[in-house]
N, C-alpha and C. Protein backbone atom coordinates (compact mmCIF):
# COMPACT_ATOMS: atom_id res chain seq x y z
N MET A 1 0.78 -1.39 -0.22
CA MET A 1 0.10 0.18 0.07
C MET A 1 0.81 1.39 -0.35
N ILE A 2 1.94 1.34 0.71
CA ILE A 2 2.56 2.24 0.94
C ILE A 2 3.90 2.67 -0.78
N THR A 3 3.90 1.41 -0.80
CA THR A 3 4.89 1.81 -2.06
C THR A 3 3.72 2.12 -3.37
N LEU A 4 2.70 1.23 -3.47
CA LEU A 4 1.31 2.12 -4.22
C LEU A 4 1.27 3.69 -4.49
N PHE A 5 1.49 4.20 -2.74
CA PHE A 5 1.24 5.57 -3.17
C PHE A 5 2.19 6.07 -3.53
N PHE A 6 2.91 5.87 -3.41
CA PHE A 6 4.29 6.48 -3.66
C PHE A 6 4.33 6.71 -5.63
N ILE A 7 3.92 5.45 -6.16
CA ILE A 7 3.30 4.89 -7.37
C ILE A 7 2.92 6.14 -8.07
N LEU A 8 1.35 5.87 -7.19
CA LEU A 8 0.53 7.07 -7.66
C LEU A 8 1.07 8.34 -7.71
N LEU A 9 1.27 8.72 -6.78
CA LEU A 9 2.11 9.97 -6.61
C LEU A 9 3.04 10.48 -7.87
N LEU A 10 4.08 9.58 -8.22
CA LEU A 10 4.68 10.06 -9.56
C LEU A 10 3.97 9.35 -10.98
N ILE A 11 3.20 8.82 -11.08
CA ILE A 11 2.77 8.11 -12.49
C ILE A 11 2.63 8.97 -13.58
N SER A 12 2.04 10.00 -13.24
CA SER A 12 1.37 10.88 -14.13
C SER A 12 2.79 11.99 -14.99
N SER A 13 3.79 11.83 -14.19
CA SER A 13 5.45 12.44 -14.65
C SER A 13 5.90 11.64 -15.43
N VAL A 14 5.50 10.15 -15.52
CA VAL A 14 6.40 9.28 -15.60
C VAL A 14 5.91 8.50 -17.38
N ASN A 15 7.17 8.56 -18.22
CA ASN A 15 7.20 8.35 -19.57
C ASN A 15 6.63 6.53 -19.50
N ASN A 16 7.01 5.59 -19.32
CA ASN A 16 6.91 3.97 -19.34
C ASN A 16 6.24 4.15 -17.89
N LYS A 17 4.66 4.22 -18.17
CA LYS A 17 3.75 3.65 -16.69
C LYS A 17 4.23 2.45 -16.15
N ILE A 18 3.79 1.77 -17.60
CA ILE A 18 3.61 0.10 -16.62
C ILE A 18 4.73 -0.52 -16.57
N LEU A 19 6.03 -0.14 -17.00
CA LEU A 19 7.28 -0.84 -16.72
C LEU A 19 7.38 -0.02 -15.25
N PHE A 20 7.06 0.89 -15.33
CA PHE A 20 7.54 2.14 -14.00
C PHE A 20 6.71 1.37 -13.04
N VAL A 21 5.67 0.58 -13.12
CA VAL A 21 4.70 -0.04 -11.28
C VAL A 21 5.15 -1.08 -11.36
N ILE A 22 5.82 -1.99 -13.02
CA ILE A 22 6.39 -3.45 -12.68
C ILE A 22 7.56 -3.36 -11.76
N VAL A 23 8.66 -2.36 -12.14
CA VAL A 23 9.98 -2.59 -11.32
C VAL A 23 9.91 -2.10 -9.91
N ALA A 24 8.67 -1.40 -9.75
CA ALA A 24 8.63 -0.43 -8.36
C ALA A 24 7.98 -1.70 -7.29
N ILE A 25 7.02 -2.53 -7.79
CA ILE A 25 6.24 -3.21 -7.05
C ILE A 25 7.35 -4.81 -6.80
N LEU A 26 7.75 -4.48 -8.05
CA LEU A 26 9.22 -6.04 -7.75
C LEU A 26 10.39 -5.09 -7.04
N ALA A 27 10.49 -4.05 -6.70
CA ALA A 27 11.84 -3.98 -5.89
C ALA A 27 11.52 -4.01 -4.42
N THR A 28 9.79 -3.63 -4.24
CA THR A 28 9.67 -3.49 -3.02
C THR A 28 9.58 -4.90 -2.18
N PHE A 29 9.14 -5.80 -2.87
CA PHE A 29 9.58 -7.28 -2.69
C PHE A 29 11.07 -7.62 -2.86
N LEU A 30 11.87 -7.38 -3.02
CA LEU A 30 13.45 -7.48 -3.24
C LEU A 30 14.13 -7.50 -1.79
N ALA A 31 13.66 -6.78 -0.98
CA ALA A 31 14.45 -6.16 0.24
C ALA A 31 14.04 -7.79 0.64
N ASP A 32 13.20 -7.84 0.83
CA ASP A 32 13.01 -9.84 1.98
C ASP A 32 13.40 -11.13 1.63
N ILE A 33 14.17 -11.06 -0.06
CA ILE A 33 14.65 -12.42 -0.03
C ILE A 33 15.85 -12.75 0.74
N ASP A 34 16.01 -11.99 1.77
CA ASP A 34 16.69 -12.93 2.76
C ASP A 34 16.49 -14.07 4.06
N THR A 35 14.87 -13.71 3.86
CA THR A 35 13.67 -14.99 4.54
C THR A 35 13.18 -15.37 3.91
N LYS A 36 13.12 -16.72 4.35
CA LYS A 36 11.95 -17.55 3.42
C LYS A 36 10.98 -17.19 3.98
N HIS A 37 9.80 -16.57 4.26
CA HIS A 37 8.64 -16.39 4.87
C HIS A 37 8.35 -14.85 3.86
N SER A 38 9.02 -14.81 2.92
CA SER A 38 8.79 -13.73 2.11
C SER A 38 7.67 -13.63 0.80
N THR A 39 7.59 -12.75 0.14
CA THR A 39 7.08 -13.45 -1.22
C THR A 39 7.97 -14.00 -2.23
N LEU A 40 9.32 -13.55 -2.13
CA LEU A 40 10.22 -14.14 -3.23
C LEU A 40 11.09 -14.62 -2.41
N GLY A 41 11.32 -14.58 -1.05
CA GLY A 41 12.71 -15.30 -0.16
C GLY A 41 11.59 -16.96 -0.26
N LYS A 42 10.45 -17.32 -0.35
CA LYS A 42 10.11 -18.47 -0.68
C LYS A 42 10.28 -19.38 -1.32
N LYS A 43 10.68 -19.15 -2.69
CA LYS A 43 11.76 -19.67 -4.12
C LYS A 43 12.69 -20.21 -3.39
N LYS A 44 12.96 -21.26 -3.93
CA LYS A 44 14.69 -21.96 -3.46
C LYS A 44 15.47 -21.98 -4.33
N ILE A 45 15.53 -20.77 -5.02
CA ILE A 45 16.52 -20.25 -6.01
C ILE A 45 17.28 -19.51 -4.45
N PHE A 46 16.65 -18.33 -3.58
CA PHE A 46 17.18 -17.83 -2.79
C PHE A 46 17.86 -18.43 -1.12
N ARG A 47 17.41 -19.71 -0.74
CA ARG A 47 17.78 -20.52 0.09
C ARG A 47 19.41 -20.32 0.35
N ILE A 48 20.01 -19.93 -0.70
CA ILE A 48 21.88 -20.63 -0.75
C ILE A 48 21.79 -18.66 0.37
N LEU A 49 21.61 -17.65 -0.41
CA LEU A 49 21.65 -16.80 0.00
C LEU A 49 21.16 -16.66 1.36
N GLN A 50 20.38 -17.04 1.76
CA GLN A 50 19.23 -16.54 2.88
C GLN A 50 20.81 -17.69 4.34
N PHE A 51 21.09 -18.45 3.79
CA PHE A 51 22.23 -19.61 4.44
C PHE A 51 23.29 -18.42 4.92
N PHE A 52 23.28 -17.55 4.31
CA PHE A 52 24.90 -16.90 4.43
C PHE A 52 23.95 -14.99 5.11
N ILE A 53 23.07 -14.71 4.42
CA ILE A 53 22.87 -13.27 5.63
C ILE A 53 21.59 -13.40 5.70
N ARG A 54 22.00 -12.83 6.93
CA ARG A 54 20.61 -12.36 8.09
C ARG A 54 19.70 -11.72 7.29
N HIS A 55 18.64 -11.76 7.54
CA HIS A 55 17.16 -10.83 7.36
C HIS A 55 17.40 -9.31 8.38
N ARG A 56 17.54 -8.35 7.44
CA ARG A 56 17.33 -6.74 8.19
C ARG A 56 18.67 -6.85 8.11
N THR A 57 19.43 -6.97 7.35
CA THR A 57 20.69 -6.58 7.34
C THR A 57 21.03 -6.18 6.07
N VAL A 58 22.10 -6.68 5.23
CA VAL A 58 22.82 -6.07 3.72
C VAL A 58 21.22 -5.77 3.14
N PHE A 59 20.57 -6.57 3.24
CA PHE A 59 19.14 -5.69 2.00
C PHE A 59 18.29 -5.15 2.56
N HIS A 60 18.40 -4.52 3.82
CA HIS A 60 17.50 -3.67 4.40
C HIS A 60 17.92 -2.49 5.12
N SER A 61 19.19 -2.05 4.02
CA SER A 61 20.23 -0.92 4.05
C SER A 61 20.24 -0.34 2.87
N PHE A 62 20.28 1.53 3.41
CA PHE A 62 20.26 2.08 2.36
C PHE A 62 21.57 1.76 1.77
N THR A 63 22.81 1.44 1.76
CA THR A 63 23.63 1.37 1.50
C THR A 63 23.73 0.53 0.20
N PHE A 64 23.29 -0.58 0.08
CA PHE A 64 22.34 -1.69 -0.59
C PHE A 64 21.78 -0.80 -1.81
N LEU A 65 21.00 -0.08 -1.35
CA LEU A 65 19.33 0.16 -1.79
C LEU A 65 20.29 1.37 -3.54
N ILE A 66 21.40 2.66 -2.63
CA ILE A 66 22.00 3.55 -3.05
C ILE A 66 22.89 2.84 -4.43
N LEU A 67 23.65 2.31 -3.94
CA LEU A 67 24.46 0.62 -5.12
C LEU A 67 24.07 0.39 -5.51
N LEU A 68 22.85 -0.25 -5.49
CA LEU A 68 21.64 -0.81 -6.66
C LEU A 68 21.22 0.01 -7.38
N THR A 69 21.18 1.54 -7.48
CA THR A 69 20.23 2.60 -7.77
C THR A 69 21.43 3.10 -8.78
N ILE A 70 22.94 3.24 -8.68
CA ILE A 70 23.41 3.68 -8.88
C ILE A 70 23.96 2.88 -10.67
N LEU A 71 23.79 1.97 -9.55
CA LEU A 71 24.17 0.74 -10.98
C LEU A 71 23.34 0.25 -12.13
N PHE A 72 22.17 0.95 -11.58
CA PHE A 72 20.85 0.81 -12.27
C PHE A 72 21.04 1.60 -13.04
N ILE A 73 21.12 3.60 -12.68
CA ILE A 73 21.80 4.31 -13.54
C ILE A 73 22.22 4.21 -14.90
N VAL A 74 23.84 3.90 -13.99
CA VAL A 74 25.00 3.32 -15.39
C VAL A 74 24.11 2.58 -16.21
N SER A 75 24.16 1.44 -16.12
CA SER A 75 23.43 -0.08 -17.02
C SER A 75 21.98 0.50 -17.21
N ILE A 76 20.99 0.31 -16.66
CA ILE A 76 19.25 0.27 -17.24
C ILE A 76 18.75 1.83 -16.61
N PRO A 77 18.79 3.17 -16.99
CA PRO A 77 18.53 4.00 -16.23
C PRO A 77 17.12 4.02 -16.24
N VAL A 78 16.13 4.38 -17.04
CA VAL A 78 14.68 3.30 -17.04
C VAL A 78 14.40 3.20 -15.86
N ILE A 79 14.80 2.28 -15.14
CA ILE A 79 14.07 1.51 -14.05
C ILE A 79 15.02 1.95 -12.84
N ALA A 80 16.10 2.63 -13.09
CA ALA A 80 16.65 3.16 -11.89
C ALA A 80 15.46 4.30 -10.99
N LEU A 81 14.95 5.40 -11.23
CA LEU A 81 13.82 5.41 -10.07
C LEU A 81 12.75 4.50 -9.92
N PRO A 82 12.04 3.97 -10.61
CA PRO A 82 11.14 2.99 -10.03
C PRO A 82 12.08 1.78 -9.24
N PHE A 83 13.02 1.29 -9.29
CA PHE A 83 13.49 0.58 -7.83
C PHE A 83 13.74 1.22 -6.61
N PHE A 84 14.32 2.43 -7.10
CA PHE A 84 14.70 3.49 -5.80
C PHE A 84 13.37 3.29 -5.13
N LEU A 85 12.43 3.91 -5.22
CA LEU A 85 11.48 4.00 -5.09
C LEU A 85 10.47 2.60 -4.22
N GLY A 86 10.30 1.68 -5.24
CA GLY A 86 9.50 0.38 -4.64
C GLY A 86 10.88 0.44 -2.95
N TYR A 87 12.04 0.16 -3.22
CA TYR A 87 12.98 -1.12 -2.54
C TYR A 87 13.29 0.49 -1.19
N GLY A 88 12.82 1.55 -1.49
CA GLY A 88 13.47 2.71 -0.86
C GLY A 88 12.13 2.61 0.57
N SER A 89 10.74 2.85 0.13
CA SER A 89 9.70 3.11 0.74
C SER A 89 9.69 0.90 1.35
N HIS A 90 10.02 0.39 1.05
CA HIS A 90 10.50 -0.47 1.65
C HIS A 90 10.98 0.01 2.94
N LEU A 91 12.40 0.35 2.43
CA LEU A 91 12.98 0.41 4.21
C LEU A 91 12.67 1.41 5.36
N ILE A 92 12.58 2.36 4.15
CA ILE A 92 11.47 3.08 5.29
C ILE A 92 10.15 2.57 5.81
N ALA A 93 9.43 2.02 5.66
CA ALA A 93 8.24 1.38 5.99
C ALA A 93 8.66 0.52 7.04
N ASP A 94 10.09 0.40 6.73
CA ASP A 94 10.20 -1.29 7.89
C ASP A 94 11.29 0.10 8.84
N SER A 95 11.70 0.65 8.72
CA SER A 95 12.19 1.70 9.81
C SER A 95 11.22 2.09 10.88
N PHE A 96 9.91 2.06 10.17
CA PHE A 96 8.74 2.71 11.42
C PHE A 96 8.45 1.33 12.22
N THR A 97 8.85 -0.27 12.16
CA THR A 97 8.45 -0.49 12.89
C THR A 97 9.76 -1.13 14.20
N MET A 98 9.08 -1.76 15.70
CA MET A 98 10.27 -1.76 16.09
C MET A 98 11.39 -3.02 16.45
N ARG A 99 11.04 -3.56 15.05
CA ARG A 99 12.59 -4.61 14.07
C ARG A 99 13.73 -3.15 13.74
N GLY A 100 12.90 -2.38 13.24
CA GLY A 100 13.92 -1.70 12.42
C GLY A 100 14.81 -1.90 11.95
N ILE A 101 15.52 -0.76 10.79
CA ILE A 101 16.30 -1.42 9.76
C ILE A 101 17.16 -1.05 10.61
N ARG A 102 19.25 -1.41 9.82
CA ARG A 102 20.57 -1.00 9.59
C ARG A 102 20.49 0.18 9.32
N PRO A 103 20.54 1.01 8.69
CA PRO A 103 20.05 1.47 7.76
C PRO A 103 21.55 2.16 6.50
N PHE A 104 22.49 1.74 7.19
CA PHE A 104 23.56 2.02 6.55
C PHE A 104 24.79 0.96 6.95
N TYR A 105 24.06 -0.62 7.20
CA TYR A 105 24.49 -1.69 6.88
C TYR A 105 25.96 -1.81 6.30
N PRO A 106 27.32 -2.07 6.96
CA PRO A 106 27.35 -2.78 7.82
C PRO A 106 27.75 -1.73 9.58
N LEU A 107 27.43 -0.13 9.15
CA LEU A 107 27.09 0.02 10.75
C LEU A 107 25.94 -0.36 11.17
N LYS A 108 26.60 -0.43 12.51
CA LYS A 108 25.53 -0.90 13.81
C LYS A 108 24.06 -0.23 14.12
N THR A 109 24.14 1.05 13.33
CA THR A 109 22.75 2.03 13.61
C THR A 109 21.78 1.15 13.30
N LEU A 110 20.83 1.58 14.22
CA LEU A 110 19.69 1.51 14.31
C LEU A 110 18.51 2.27 14.00
N ALA A 111 17.77 1.87 13.11
CA ALA A 111 16.73 3.08 12.59
C ALA A 111 15.42 2.14 13.18
N TYR A 112 15.06 2.79 14.10
CA TYR A 112 13.35 1.48 14.09
C TYR A 112 12.07 2.76 14.61
N GLY A 113 10.88 2.20 15.21
CA GLY A 113 9.57 2.85 15.76
C GLY A 113 9.18 2.45 16.36
N LYS A 114 7.56 1.92 16.64
CA LYS A 114 6.70 1.71 18.14
C LYS A 114 6.14 0.44 16.75
N LEU A 115 6.12 0.79 15.62
CA LEU A 115 5.16 0.02 15.28
C LEU A 115 5.23 -2.01 15.83
N ARG A 116 4.81 -2.38 15.89
CA ARG A 116 4.75 -3.72 16.10
C ARG A 116 4.31 -4.48 14.56
N THR A 117 4.67 -5.12 14.09
CA THR A 117 4.84 -6.12 12.53
C THR A 117 3.13 -6.80 12.78
N GLY A 118 1.90 -6.92 12.29
CA GLY A 118 1.20 -7.53 12.54
C GLY A 118 0.55 -7.37 13.68
N SER A 119 0.39 -5.34 13.93
CA SER A 119 -0.37 -5.41 15.16
C SER A 119 -1.56 -4.73 14.29
N ARG A 120 -2.44 -3.53 15.24
CA ARG A 120 -3.79 -3.20 14.64
C ARG A 120 -3.09 -1.95 14.56
N ALA A 121 -2.10 -1.34 15.00
CA ALA A 121 -1.62 -0.02 14.53
C ALA A 121 -0.91 -0.28 13.71
N GLU A 122 -0.75 -1.31 12.62
CA GLU A 122 -0.09 -1.72 11.73
C GLU A 122 -0.96 -1.48 10.50
N THR A 123 -1.56 -2.51 11.05
CA THR A 123 -2.96 -2.63 10.19
C THR A 123 -3.96 -0.94 9.69
N GLY A 124 -3.35 -0.85 11.13
CA GLY A 124 -3.98 1.11 10.55
C GLY A 124 -3.47 2.51 9.51
N VAL A 125 -2.43 1.69 9.56
CA VAL A 125 -1.43 2.51 9.18
C VAL A 125 -1.64 1.70 7.22
N LEU A 126 -2.03 0.54 6.89
CA LEU A 126 -2.13 0.11 5.84
C LEU A 126 -3.38 1.06 5.29
N VAL A 127 -4.81 0.86 6.61
CA VAL A 127 -5.97 1.00 5.89
C VAL A 127 -6.03 2.81 5.56
N VAL A 128 -4.76 3.46 6.06
CA VAL A 128 -5.13 5.30 5.64
C VAL A 128 -4.27 5.01 4.78
N PHE A 129 -3.41 4.52 4.37
CA PHE A 129 -2.58 3.94 3.22
C PHE A 129 -3.65 3.60 1.49
N LEU A 130 -4.42 2.53 2.33
CA LEU A 130 -5.57 1.74 1.12
C LEU A 130 -6.35 3.18 1.01
N ILE A 131 -6.45 4.09 1.67
CA ILE A 131 -7.73 4.78 1.44
C ILE A 131 -7.01 6.06 0.69
N LEU A 132 -5.61 6.43 0.80
CA LEU A 132 -5.29 7.37 0.19
C LEU A 132 -4.42 7.19 -1.13
N ASP A 133 -4.77 5.70 -1.17
CA ASP A 133 -4.16 4.92 -2.46
C ASP A 133 -5.30 5.37 -3.72
N VAL A 134 -6.62 5.09 -3.06
CA VAL A 134 -7.80 5.04 -3.46
C VAL A 134 -8.46 6.61 -3.95
N LEU A 135 -8.10 7.37 -3.25
CA LEU A 135 -8.63 9.28 -3.73
C LEU A 135 -7.17 9.74 -4.69
N LEU A 136 -5.59 8.92 -4.72
CA LEU A 136 -5.21 8.90 -5.78
C LEU A 136 -5.29 8.12 -7.13
N ILE A 137 -6.08 7.33 -6.69
CA ILE A 137 -7.01 6.55 -8.23
C ILE A 137 -8.00 7.55 -8.66
N PHE A 138 -8.59 7.94 -8.33
CA PHE A 138 -9.46 8.65 -8.65
C PHE A 138 -8.94 9.89 -9.30
N ALA A 139 -8.00 10.49 -8.34
CA ALA A 139 -7.04 12.11 -8.88
C ALA A 139 -6.95 11.36 -10.19
N ASN A 140 -6.10 10.46 -10.29
CA ASN A 140 -5.39 10.45 -11.80
C ASN A 140 -6.15 9.88 -12.86
N LEU A 141 -7.17 8.90 -12.44
CA LEU A 141 -8.17 8.87 -13.39
C LEU A 141 -8.39 10.22 -14.07
N ARG A 142 -9.09 11.50 -13.45
CA ARG A 142 -9.10 12.65 -14.17
C ARG A 142 -8.42 13.45 -14.69
N LEU A 143 -7.17 13.05 -14.55
CA LEU A 143 -5.96 13.46 -14.44
C LEU A 143 -5.86 12.88 -16.12
N PHE A 144 -5.87 11.71 -16.31
CA PHE A 144 -6.40 11.22 -17.44
C PHE A 144 -7.20 11.30 -18.87
N ASN A 145 -8.53 11.90 -17.62
CA ASN A 145 -9.28 11.43 -19.00
C ASN A 145 -9.63 13.22 -19.42
């Protein structure tokens, strides 16, 4: 819901809208490939990676996000912004949870908040973003007509 909110904010100024949406959504799931409980992490191909990398370390850092984004800017510029948006919004959202993230891994500094994953408060935040998403969808429909 959170990534969708940012997608909807920017979609009207993007040329390749379909690619933008696909890359941003895939990127938001990519940060969790280091856990077998995630959408992408359930795939057997990521098991070796999960053996060597703990959850919320390398893949949950702005260090990794910035390095990958620079790589995309140099190699495939059209996906750099949606990748940064999707992956970055995931990291920001996780930084508000009690478990938090290590934003500049390998540094030990932790960024965390008070939201408990799976709690009513987290559900409330998601409902707020769902409402905002619906409002933005209607606003964007008016823009495109």
